[in-house]
Amino acid sequence: MTKTQSRPSISPQSITAFSPFWCGVTLAALSALTACQQPAEPGPQDEARAEQLRPQSAALAEKYERSCMVCHSRIAANAPLTGFAPAWKARLEKGMETLVRNAQQGLGSMPPGGQCADCTTEELRALVVFMAHDH
């Protein structure tokens, strides 16, 4: 740049004139990025809620407490939290039969039967439905 050339000046008014445009662009970019994010991660309030939930049936609640709850109410266990819908969404899309079969056969660190040696297939199904439901 020579001494006779001057730099374009940016005044506060010109910045203000572009603000709505850039706000719109920024919001659009953030929206696009949000759409690509992984499902929400559970927080302490979700864990506390999972610790409080129980099936309505006393018999099913007893089986849940001794078999499922130890993992499905603790974030650290890396199992989907009971009642935390975002963690169950992709699993539910695979179908209930797949979820029940995974519980029966075991998957990852979950042992066969989900630690419930005396659960019938229907009880496993009822437990999965209970855990996957957004309470």
C-alpha atoms as a PDB file:
ATOM      1  CA  MET A   1       0.000   0.000   0.000  1.00  0.00           C
ATOM      2  CA  THR A   2       1.403   3.416  -0.925  1.00  0.00           C
ATOM      3  CA  LYS A   3       1.082   6.601   1.096  1.00  0.00           C
ATOM      4  CA  THR A   4      -1.585   7.881  -1.249  1.00  0.00           C
ATOM      5  CA  GLN A   5      -3.733   4.785  -0.897  1.00  0.00           C
ATOM      6  CA  SER A   6      -5.794   4.513   2.193  1.00  0.00           C
ATOM      7  CA  ARG A   7      -7.163   1.461   3.897  1.00  0.00           C
ATOM      8  CA  PRO A   8     -10.876   1.031   3.860  1.00  0.00           C
ATOM      9  CA  SER A   9     -12.192   2.122   7.180  1.00  0.00           C
ATOM     10  CA  ILE A  10     -14.489  -0.016   9.236  1.00  0.00           C
ATOM     11  CA  SER A  11     -16.708   2.070  11.386  1.00  0.00           C
ATOM     12  CA  PRO A  12     -18.902   0.863  14.237  1.00  0.00           C
ATOM     13  CA  GLN A  13     -21.889   1.619  11.999  1.00  0.00           C
ATOM     14  CA  SER A  14     -20.639  -0.724   9.259  1.00  0.00           C
ATOM     15  CA  ILE A  15     -20.067  -3.517  11.768  1.00  0.00           C
ATOM     16  CA  THR A  16     -23.552  -2.988  13.163  1.00  0.00           C
ATOM     17  CA  ALA A  17     -24.983  -3.137   9.664  1.00  0.00           C
ATOM     18  CA  PHE A  18     -23.528  -6.611   9.192  1.00  0.00           C
ATOM     19  CA  SER A  19     -24.416  -7.946  12.650  1.00  0.00           C
ATOM     20  CA  PRO A  20     -27.838  -9.405  11.768  1.00  0.00           C
ATOM     21  CA  PHE A  21     -26.315 -11.141   8.754  1.00  0.00           C
ATOM     22  CA  TRP A  22     -23.454 -12.651  10.752  1.00  0.00           C
ATOM     23  CA  CYS A  23     -25.771 -13.620  13.575  1.00  0.00           C
ATOM     24  CA  GLY A  24     -27.891 -15.518  11.083  1.00  0.00           C
ATOM     25  CA  VAL A  25     -24.878 -17.221   9.544  1.00  0.00           C
ATOM     26  CA  THR A  26     -23.535 -18.146  12.969  1.00  0.00           C
ATOM     27  CA  LEU A  27     -26.881 -19.559  14.113  1.00  0.00           C
ATOM     28  CA  ALA A  28     -27.235 -21.583  10.915  1.00  0.00           C
ATOM     29  CA  ALA A  29     -23.729 -23.022  11.349  1.00  0.00           C
ATOM     30  CA  LEU A  30     -24.380 -23.910  14.988  1.00  0.00           C
ATOM     31  CA  SER A  31     -27.667 -25.569  14.084  1.00  0.00           C
ATOM     32  CA  ALA A  32     -25.933 -27.679  11.445  1.00  0.00           C
ATOM     33  CA  LEU A  33     -23.249 -28.732  13.897  1.00  0.00           C
ATOM     34  CA  THR A  34     -25.800 -29.583  16.565  1.00  0.00           C
ATOM     35  CA  ALA A  35     -27.632 -31.877  14.155  1.00  0.00           C
ATOM     36  CA  CYS A  36     -24.441 -33.921  13.739  1.00  0.00           C
ATOM     37  CA  GLN A  37     -23.737 -34.351  17.441  1.00  0.00           C
ATOM     38  CA  GLN A  38     -23.927 -37.642  19.267  1.00  0.00           C
ATOM     39  CA  PRO A  39     -26.972 -38.259  21.469  1.00  0.00           C
ATOM     40  CA  ALA A  40     -27.026 -36.309  24.695  1.00  0.00           C
ATOM     41  CA  GLU A  41     -24.844 -37.670  27.438  1.00  0.00           C
ATOM     42  CA  PRO A  42     -26.543 -38.391  30.747  1.00  0.00           C
ATOM     43  CA  GLY A  43     -25.720 -36.136  33.659  1.00  0.00           C
ATOM     44  CA  PRO A  44     -25.873 -36.500  37.433  1.00  0.00           C
ATOM     45  CA  GLN A  45     -29.584 -35.607  37.467  1.00  0.00           C
ATOM     46  CA  ASP A  46     -30.287 -38.440  34.988  1.00  0.00           C
ATOM     47  CA  GLU A  47     -28.321 -40.874  37.130  1.00  0.00           C
ATOM     48  CA  ALA A  48     -30.199 -39.777  40.277  1.00  0.00           C
ATOM     49  CA  ARG A  49     -33.495 -40.258  38.452  1.00  0.00           C
ATOM     50  CA  ALA A  50     -32.457 -43.722  37.205  1.00  0.00           C
ATOM     51  CA  GLU A  51     -31.634 -44.730  40.782  1.00  0.00           C
ATOM     52  CA  GLN A  52     -35.186 -43.861  41.873  1.00  0.00           C
ATOM     53  CA  LEU A  53     -37.163 -45.589  39.108  1.00  0.00           C
ATOM     54  CA  ARG A  54     -38.735 -49.023  39.647  1.00  0.00           C
ATOM     55  CA  PRO A  55     -41.200 -51.147  37.684  1.00  0.00           C
ATOM     56  CA  GLN A  56     -44.745 -51.007  39.076  1.00  0.00           C
ATOM     57  CA  SER A  57     -44.946 -54.776  39.525  1.00  0.00           C
ATOM     58  CA  ALA A  58     -43.364 -55.786  42.844  1.00  0.00           C
ATOM     59  CA  ALA A  59     -42.031 -59.040  41.362  1.00  0.00           C
ATOM     60  CA  LEU A  60     -40.507 -57.239  38.387  1.00  0.00           C
ATOM     61  CA  ALA A  61     -39.119 -54.498  40.655  1.00  0.00           C
ATOM     62  CA  GLU A  62     -37.370 -57.161  42.761  1.00  0.00           C
ATOM     63  CA  LYS A  63     -35.756 -58.677  39.649  1.00  0.00           C
ATOM     64  CA  TYR A  64     -34.809 -55.236  38.343  1.00  0.00           C
ATOM     65  CA  GLU A  65     -33.178 -54.294  41.666  1.00  0.00           C
ATOM     66  CA  ARG A  66     -31.043 -57.417  41.873  1.00  0.00           C
ATOM     67  CA  SER A  67     -30.221 -57.840  38.186  1.00  0.00           C
ATOM     68  CA  CYS A  68     -30.494 -54.674  36.081  1.00  0.00           C
ATOM     69  CA  MET A  69     -30.221 -51.735  38.413  1.00  0.00           C
ATOM     70  CA  VAL A  70     -26.554 -52.139  39.318  1.00  0.00           C
ATOM     71  CA  CYS A  71     -25.542 -51.185  35.757  1.00  0.00           C
ATOM     72  CA  HIS A  72     -28.552 -49.315  34.372  1.00  0.00           C
ATOM     73  CA  SER A  73     -28.567 -46.712  37.158  1.00  0.00           C
ATOM     74  CA  ARG A  74     -24.848 -45.836  37.023  1.00  0.00           C
ATOM     75  CA  ILE A  75     -23.229 -43.709  34.319  1.00  0.00           C
ATOM     76  CA  ALA A  76     -19.856 -45.297  35.058  1.00  0.00           C
ATOM     77  CA  ALA A  77     -21.177 -48.735  34.039  1.00  0.00           C
ATOM     78  CA  ASN A  78     -21.555 -47.566  30.397  1.00  0.00           C
ATOM     79  CA  ALA A  79     -24.966 -49.203  30.163  1.00  0.00           C
ATOM     80  CA  PRO A  80     -27.914 -47.119  28.965  1.00  0.00           C
ATOM     81  CA  LEU A  81     -29.516 -45.477  31.990  1.00  0.00           C
ATOM     82  CA  THR A  82     -33.019 -46.483  32.897  1.00  0.00           C
ATOM     83  CA  GLY A  83     -35.437 -43.827  31.645  1.00  0.00           C
ATOM     84  CA  PHE A  84     -32.813 -41.887  29.664  1.00  0.00           C
ATOM     85  CA  ALA A  85     -34.429 -41.920  26.213  1.00  0.00           C
ATOM     86  CA  PRO A  86     -31.454 -40.660  24.150  1.00  0.00           C
ATOM     87  CA  ALA A  87     -29.388 -43.678  25.209  1.00  0.00           C
ATOM     88  CA  TRP A  88     -32.135 -46.093  24.156  1.00  0.00           C
ATOM     89  CA  LYS A  89     -33.189 -44.461  20.862  1.00  0.00           C
ATOM     90  CA  ALA A  90     -30.731 -46.246  18.536  1.00  0.00           C
ATOM     91  CA  ARG A  91     -31.236 -49.516  20.389  1.00  0.00           C
ATOM     92  CA  LEU A  92     -35.013 -49.301  20.043  1.00  0.00           C
ATOM     93  CA  GLU A  93     -34.645 -48.634  16.322  1.00  0.00           C
ATOM     94  CA  LYS A  94     -33.128 -52.127  16.021  1.00  0.00           C
ATOM     95  CA  GLY A  95     -36.381 -53.561  17.362  1.00  0.00           C
ATOM     96  CA  MET A  96     -37.598 -55.001  20.627  1.00  0.00           C
ATOM     97  CA  GLU A  97     -36.823 -58.575  19.557  1.00  0.00           C
ATOM     98  CA  THR A  98     -33.165 -57.624  19.089  1.00  0.00           C
ATOM     99  CA  LEU A  99     -33.039 -55.953  22.505  1.00  0.00           C
ATOM    100  CA  VAL A 100     -34.599 -58.973  24.198  1.00  0.00           C
ATOM    101  CA  ARG A 101     -32.270 -61.364  22.356  1.00  0.00           C
ATOM    102  CA  ASN A 102     -29.271 -59.246  23.423  1.00  0.00           C
ATOM    103  CA  ALA A 103     -30.472 -59.403  27.033  1.00  0.00           C
ATOM    104  CA  GLN A 104     -30.923 -63.172  26.775  1.00  0.00           C
ATOM    105  CA  GLN A 105     -27.574 -63.855  25.120  1.00  0.00           C
ATOM    106  CA  GLY A 106     -25.571 -61.060  26.699  1.00  0.00           C
ATOM    107  CA  LEU A 107     -23.856 -58.222  24.881  1.00  0.00           C
ATOM    108  CA  GLY A 108     -20.583 -56.460  25.620  1.00  0.00           C
ATOM    109  CA  SER A 109     -20.095 -56.509  29.375  1.00  0.00           C
ATOM    110  CA  MET A 110     -23.716 -57.560  30.008  1.00  0.00           C
ATOM    111  CA  PRO A 111     -23.812 -61.275  30.854  1.00  0.00           C
ATOM    112  CA  PRO A 112     -26.448 -63.624  29.421  1.00  0.00           C
ATOM    113  CA  GLY A 113     -29.814 -62.969  30.997  1.00  0.00           C
ATOM    114  CA  GLY A 114     -28.638 -59.548  32.110  1.00  0.00           C
ATOM    115  CA  GLN A 115     -27.686 -61.148  35.464  1.00  0.00           C
ATOM    116  CA  CYS A 116     -31.242 -62.439  35.911  1.00  0.00           C
ATOM    117  CA  ALA A 117     -30.918 -66.210  35.867  1.00  0.00           C
ATOM    118  CA  ASP A 118     -34.596 -66.743  36.695  1.00  0.00           C
ATOM    119  CA  CYS A 119     -36.115 -64.191  34.281  1.00  0.00           C
ATOM    120  CA  THR A 120     -38.413 -65.518  31.599  1.00  0.00           C
ATOM    121  CA  THR A 121     -38.322 -64.059  28.101  1.00  0.00           C
ATOM    122  CA  GLU A 122     -41.460 -62.066  28.894  1.00  0.00           C
ATOM    123  CA  GLU A 123     -39.941 -60.701  32.091  1.00  0.00           C
ATOM    124  CA  LEU A 124     -36.791 -59.670  30.200  1.00  0.00           C
ATOM    125  CA  ARG A 125     -39.002 -57.970  27.620  1.00  0.00           C
ATOM    126  CA  ALA A 126     -40.940 -56.159  30.374  1.00  0.00           C
ATOM    127  CA  LEU A 127     -37.680 -55.059  32.019  1.00  0.00           C
ATOM    128  CA  VAL A 128     -36.289 -53.734  28.718  1.00  0.00           C
ATOM    129  CA  VAL A 129     -39.541 -51.875  28.031  1.00  0.00           C
ATOM    130  CA  PHE A 130     -39.418 -50.384  31.525  1.00  0.00           C
ATOM    131  CA  MET A 131     -35.767 -49.294  31.237  1.00  0.00           C
ATOM    132  CA  ALA A 132     -36.114 -47.886  27.725  1.00  0.00           C
ATOM    133  CA  HIS A 133     -39.279 -45.916  28.518  1.00  0.00           C
ATOM    134  CA  ASP A 134     -38.902 -42.194  29.171  1.00  0.00           C
ATOM    135  CA  HIS A 135     -40.511 -41.953  32.627  1.00  0.00           C
END
